[in-house]
């Protein structure tokens, strides 16, 4: 017998799978097209597939974002080390006093 827990009690788990490289590239592209992270895209895809095939009840809802909301920059490619250096170089210098007094 399969039992299901509510979304508030179902934890997320880390899992690793070996996939055909073409599948990995396709997942990256499709996630990018939808504006989702790869994890979010895969979870949505598998959740819906599970519902269609009767493994997940039709009334079940996905967990959604459980870390306090979508993080700034989530799903974007990481900046290169040079780009990070440029960002730090152009940031305002907070070492000097704000009112001009030392």
N, C-alpha and C. Protein backbone atom coordinates (compact mmCIF):
# COMPACT_ATOMS: atom_id res chain seq x y z
N UNK A 1 0.84 -1.19 0.00
CA UNK A 1 0.00 0.00 0.00
C UNK A 1 0.89 1.25 0.00
N UNK A 2 0.56 2.19 -0.86
CA UNK A 2 1.31 3.44 -0.95
C UNK A 2 0.59 4.48 -0.12
N UNK A 3 1.33 5.16 0.74
CA UNK A 3 0.76 6.27 1.52
C UNK A 3 1.47 7.53 1.13
N UNK A 4 0.75 8.64 1.18
CA UNK A 4 1.31 9.93 0.81
C UNK A 4 1.23 10.87 2.00
N UNK A 5 2.23 11.73 2.10
CA UNK A 5 2.26 12.73 3.14
C UNK A 5 1.86 14.07 2.54
N UNK A 6 1.45 14.99 3.40
CA UNK A 6 1.12 16.32 2.90
C UNK A 6 2.40 17.05 2.54
N UNK A 7 2.26 18.10 1.74
CA UNK A 7 3.43 18.85 1.27
C UNK A 7 4.25 19.42 2.42
N UNK A 8 3.62 19.72 3.54
CA UNK A 8 4.36 20.32 4.64
C UNK A 8 5.22 19.30 5.37
N UNK A 9 4.97 17.99 5.19
CA UNK A 9 5.75 16.99 5.89
C UNK A 9 6.67 16.20 4.96
N UNK A 10 6.58 16.43 3.66
CA UNK A 10 7.41 15.71 2.70
C UNK A 10 8.72 16.45 2.51
N UNK A 11 9.83 15.85 2.92
CA UNK A 11 11.11 16.53 2.72
C UNK A 11 11.63 16.31 1.31
N UNK A 12 12.51 17.19 0.90
CA UNK A 12 13.22 16.98 -0.35
C UNK A 12 14.46 16.16 -0.02
N UNK A 13 14.86 15.32 -0.95
CA UNK A 13 16.05 14.50 -0.77
C UNK A 13 16.99 14.74 -1.93
N UNK A 14 18.28 14.66 -1.65
CA UNK A 14 19.28 14.70 -2.72
C UNK A 14 19.36 13.31 -3.34
N UNK A 15 19.49 13.25 -4.66
CA UNK A 15 19.64 11.98 -5.36
C UNK A 15 20.48 12.23 -6.60
N UNK A 16 21.28 11.26 -6.96
CA UNK A 16 22.11 11.38 -8.15
C UNK A 16 21.78 10.26 -9.12
N UNK A 17 21.73 10.58 -10.40
CA UNK A 17 21.42 9.60 -11.43
C UNK A 17 22.37 9.77 -12.59
N UNK A 18 22.71 8.68 -13.26
CA UNK A 18 23.54 8.73 -14.45
C UNK A 18 22.61 8.78 -15.65
N UNK A 19 22.79 9.79 -16.49
CA UNK A 19 21.93 9.98 -17.65
C UNK A 19 22.76 10.16 -18.91
N UNK A 20 22.17 9.84 -20.02
CA UNK A 20 22.74 10.10 -21.34
C UNK A 20 23.05 11.61 -21.42
N UNK A 21 24.21 11.96 -21.92
CA UNK A 21 24.60 13.37 -22.00
C UNK A 21 23.60 14.20 -22.79
N UNK A 22 23.00 13.59 -23.81
CA UNK A 22 22.00 14.31 -24.62
C UNK A 22 20.79 14.67 -23.77
N UNK A 23 20.42 13.78 -22.85
CA UNK A 23 19.30 14.08 -21.95
C UNK A 23 19.66 15.24 -21.02
N UNK A 24 20.87 15.22 -20.52
CA UNK A 24 21.31 16.30 -19.62
C UNK A 24 21.28 17.64 -20.34
N UNK A 25 21.79 17.68 -21.56
CA UNK A 25 21.78 18.93 -22.34
C UNK A 25 20.34 19.37 -22.65
N UNK A 26 19.48 18.41 -22.97
CA UNK A 26 18.08 18.73 -23.25
C UNK A 26 17.40 19.30 -22.00
N UNK A 27 17.67 18.71 -20.85
CA UNK A 27 17.09 19.20 -19.59
C UNK A 27 17.56 20.63 -19.32
N UNK A 28 18.84 20.90 -19.51
CA UNK A 28 19.37 22.25 -19.30
C UNK A 28 18.65 23.26 -20.21
N UNK A 29 18.52 22.90 -21.49
CA UNK A 29 17.88 23.79 -22.46
C UNK A 29 16.41 24.02 -22.12
N UNK A 30 15.70 22.96 -21.81
CA UNK A 30 14.27 23.09 -21.50
C UNK A 30 14.04 23.88 -20.21
N UNK A 31 14.87 23.65 -19.21
CA UNK A 31 14.76 24.42 -17.97
C UNK A 31 15.02 25.89 -18.24
N UNK A 32 16.03 26.17 -19.04
CA UNK A 32 16.36 27.55 -19.39
C UNK A 32 15.20 28.23 -20.13
N UNK A 33 14.59 27.50 -21.07
CA UNK A 33 13.46 28.05 -21.83
C UNK A 33 12.28 28.41 -20.93
N UNK A 34 12.09 27.66 -19.86
CA UNK A 34 10.97 27.91 -18.96
C UNK A 34 11.33 28.88 -17.84
N UNK A 35 12.61 29.24 -17.75
CA UNK A 35 13.04 30.17 -16.70
C UNK A 35 13.12 29.51 -15.33
N UNK A 36 13.26 28.18 -15.31
CA UNK A 36 13.34 27.46 -14.04
C UNK A 36 14.74 26.90 -13.86
N UNK A 37 15.08 26.61 -12.61
CA UNK A 37 16.33 25.90 -12.35
C UNK A 37 16.14 24.47 -12.86
N UNK A 38 17.23 23.77 -13.05
CA UNK A 38 17.15 22.38 -13.51
C UNK A 38 16.40 21.54 -12.48
N UNK A 39 16.70 21.72 -11.20
CA UNK A 39 16.00 20.96 -10.16
C UNK A 39 14.51 21.24 -10.18
N UNK A 40 14.14 22.50 -10.28
CA UNK A 40 12.72 22.87 -10.29
C UNK A 40 12.03 22.28 -11.53
N UNK A 41 12.69 22.37 -12.68
CA UNK A 41 12.12 21.84 -13.92
C UNK A 41 11.90 20.33 -13.81
N UNK A 42 12.93 19.60 -13.36
CA UNK A 42 12.82 18.15 -13.25
C UNK A 42 11.75 17.74 -12.24
N UNK A 43 11.70 18.43 -11.11
CA UNK A 43 10.71 18.09 -10.10
C UNK A 43 9.29 18.29 -10.65
N UNK A 44 9.05 19.41 -11.33
CA UNK A 44 7.73 19.66 -11.93
C UNK A 44 7.39 18.60 -12.97
N UNK A 45 8.36 18.27 -13.83
CA UNK A 45 8.15 17.30 -14.89
C UNK A 45 7.81 15.92 -14.32
N UNK A 46 8.59 15.47 -13.36
CA UNK A 46 8.38 14.14 -12.78
C UNK A 46 7.10 14.12 -11.94
N UNK A 47 6.80 15.21 -11.24
CA UNK A 47 5.58 15.28 -10.44
C UNK A 47 4.36 15.12 -11.34
N UNK A 48 4.33 15.86 -12.44
CA UNK A 48 3.19 15.77 -13.37
C UNK A 48 3.12 14.38 -14.00
N UNK A 49 4.25 13.81 -14.35
CA UNK A 49 4.28 12.47 -14.94
C UNK A 49 3.75 11.45 -13.93
N UNK A 50 4.12 11.61 -12.67
CA UNK A 50 3.62 10.73 -11.62
C UNK A 50 2.11 10.83 -11.45
N UNK A 51 1.58 12.05 -11.55
CA UNK A 51 0.13 12.24 -11.45
C UNK A 51 -0.58 11.60 -12.64
N UNK A 52 -0.07 11.80 -13.84
CA UNK A 52 -0.67 11.25 -15.05
C UNK A 52 -0.71 9.72 -14.99
N UNK A 53 0.33 9.12 -14.42
CA UNK A 53 0.43 7.66 -14.37
C UNK A 53 -0.10 7.05 -13.08
N UNK A 54 -0.76 7.85 -12.25
CA UNK A 54 -1.41 7.33 -11.06
C UNK A 54 -0.51 6.99 -9.89
N UNK A 55 0.74 7.41 -9.94
CA UNK A 55 1.67 7.15 -8.84
C UNK A 55 1.55 8.23 -7.78
N UNK A 56 1.19 9.42 -8.18
CA UNK A 56 0.95 10.55 -7.28
C UNK A 56 -0.53 10.89 -7.42
N UNK A 57 -1.25 11.06 -6.29
CA UNK A 57 -2.68 11.34 -6.38
C UNK A 57 -2.98 12.61 -7.17
N UNK A 58 -4.09 12.63 -7.92
CA UNK A 58 -4.42 13.79 -8.76
C UNK A 58 -4.59 15.08 -7.97
N UNK A 59 -4.98 14.99 -6.71
CA UNK A 59 -5.20 16.19 -5.91
C UNK A 59 -3.91 16.70 -5.23
N UNK A 60 -2.83 15.93 -5.34
CA UNK A 60 -1.56 16.33 -4.71
C UNK A 60 -1.01 17.59 -5.36
N UNK A 61 -0.39 18.41 -4.54
CA UNK A 61 0.24 19.65 -5.00
C UNK A 61 1.75 19.55 -4.79
N UNK A 62 2.54 20.09 -5.73
CA UNK A 62 3.99 20.09 -5.54
C UNK A 62 4.40 20.94 -4.34
N UNK A 63 5.59 20.66 -3.82
CA UNK A 63 6.06 21.40 -2.66
C UNK A 63 6.21 22.89 -2.93
N UNK A 64 6.66 23.23 -4.12
CA UNK A 64 6.94 24.63 -4.39
C UNK A 64 8.23 25.04 -3.72
N UNK A 65 8.46 26.32 -3.63
CA UNK A 65 9.69 26.83 -3.03
C UNK A 65 9.57 26.76 -1.52
N UNK A 66 10.46 26.02 -0.88
CA UNK A 66 10.41 25.86 0.57
C UNK A 66 11.56 26.56 1.29
N UNK A 67 12.36 27.33 0.56
CA UNK A 67 13.50 28.01 1.19
C UNK A 67 13.21 29.49 1.43
N UNK A 68 11.96 29.89 1.39
CA UNK A 68 11.65 31.28 1.66
C UNK A 68 11.48 32.12 0.42
N UNK A 69 11.26 31.52 -0.73
CA UNK A 69 11.03 32.29 -1.95
C UNK A 69 12.13 32.07 -2.96
N UNK A 70 11.88 32.53 -4.15
CA UNK A 70 12.86 32.39 -5.22
C UNK A 70 14.06 33.27 -4.91
N UNK A 71 15.22 32.68 -4.99
CA UNK A 71 16.44 33.42 -4.69
C UNK A 71 16.87 34.24 -5.89
N UNK A 72 17.44 35.41 -5.62
CA UNK A 72 17.94 36.27 -6.69
C UNK A 72 19.01 35.51 -7.46
N UNK A 73 18.85 35.47 -8.77
CA UNK A 73 19.83 34.82 -9.62
C UNK A 73 19.68 33.31 -9.71
N UNK A 74 18.64 32.74 -9.11
CA UNK A 74 18.46 31.29 -9.17
C UNK A 74 18.30 30.84 -10.61
N UNK A 75 19.00 29.80 -10.98
CA UNK A 75 18.90 29.25 -12.32
C UNK A 75 19.77 29.92 -13.35
N UNK A 76 20.52 30.95 -12.94
CA UNK A 76 21.40 31.65 -13.88
C UNK A 76 22.79 31.03 -13.84
N UNK A 77 23.51 31.17 -14.93
CA UNK A 77 24.87 30.66 -14.98
C UNK A 77 25.75 31.46 -14.02
N UNK A 78 26.69 30.77 -13.42
CA UNK A 78 27.62 31.43 -12.50
C UNK A 78 28.54 32.35 -13.28
N UNK A 79 28.93 33.45 -12.64
CA UNK A 79 29.85 34.39 -13.27
C UNK A 79 31.26 33.83 -13.25
N UNK A 80 32.03 34.23 -14.23
CA UNK A 80 33.43 33.83 -14.25
C UNK A 80 34.17 34.59 -13.15
N UNK A 81 35.35 34.11 -12.82
CA UNK A 81 36.16 34.76 -11.79
C UNK A 81 36.49 36.20 -12.19
N UNK A 82 36.74 36.44 -13.49
CA UNK A 82 37.04 37.79 -13.96
C UNK A 82 35.84 38.72 -13.78
N UNK A 83 34.63 38.22 -14.06
CA UNK A 83 33.43 39.04 -13.91
C UNK A 83 33.20 39.37 -12.44
N UNK A 84 33.48 38.42 -11.55
CA UNK A 84 33.33 38.68 -10.12
C UNK A 84 34.32 39.74 -9.66
N UNK A 85 35.56 39.70 -10.17
CA UNK A 85 36.56 40.71 -9.83
C UNK A 85 36.11 42.08 -10.31
N UNK A 86 35.55 42.15 -11.53
CA UNK A 86 35.06 43.42 -12.07
C UNK A 86 33.95 43.99 -11.20
N UNK A 87 33.04 43.11 -10.72
CA UNK A 87 31.95 43.56 -9.86
C UNK A 87 32.48 44.15 -8.56
N UNK A 88 33.48 43.48 -7.98
CA UNK A 88 34.05 43.97 -6.72
C UNK A 88 34.79 45.30 -6.94
N UNK A 89 35.46 45.42 -8.07
CA UNK A 89 36.21 46.64 -8.37
C UNK A 89 35.29 47.83 -8.57
N UNK A 90 34.09 47.59 -9.10
CA UNK A 90 33.17 48.71 -9.36
C UNK A 90 32.24 48.99 -8.19
N UNK A 91 32.30 48.17 -7.14
CA UNK A 91 31.44 48.39 -5.97
C UNK A 91 31.91 49.63 -5.22
N UNK A 92 30.98 50.35 -4.57
CA UNK A 92 31.38 51.54 -3.81
C UNK A 92 32.30 51.16 -2.66
N UNK A 93 33.22 52.06 -2.37
CA UNK A 93 34.17 51.83 -1.29
C UNK A 93 33.54 52.25 0.01
N UNK A 94 33.35 51.33 0.92
CA UNK A 94 32.72 51.63 2.21
C UNK A 94 33.74 51.91 3.30
N UNK A 95 35.03 52.01 2.93
CA UNK A 95 36.06 52.27 3.91
C UNK A 95 36.13 53.73 4.33
N UNK A 96 35.63 54.64 3.50
CA UNK A 96 35.71 56.06 3.82
C UNK A 96 34.49 56.47 4.64
N UNK A 97 34.65 57.41 5.55
CA UNK A 97 33.52 57.87 6.37
C UNK A 97 32.43 58.49 5.51
N UNK A 98 31.18 58.28 5.91
CA UNK A 98 30.04 58.78 5.15
C UNK A 98 29.91 60.29 5.28
N UNK A 99 30.15 60.84 6.47
CA UNK A 99 29.94 62.27 6.67
C UNK A 99 31.22 63.08 6.42
N UNK A 100 32.30 62.44 6.04
CA UNK A 100 33.55 63.16 5.74
C UNK A 100 34.41 63.31 6.97
N UNK A 101 33.93 62.94 8.16
CA UNK A 101 34.73 63.02 9.38
C UNK A 101 35.47 61.71 9.59
N UNK A 102 36.67 61.81 10.12
CA UNK A 102 37.44 60.58 10.37
C UNK A 102 37.41 60.20 11.78
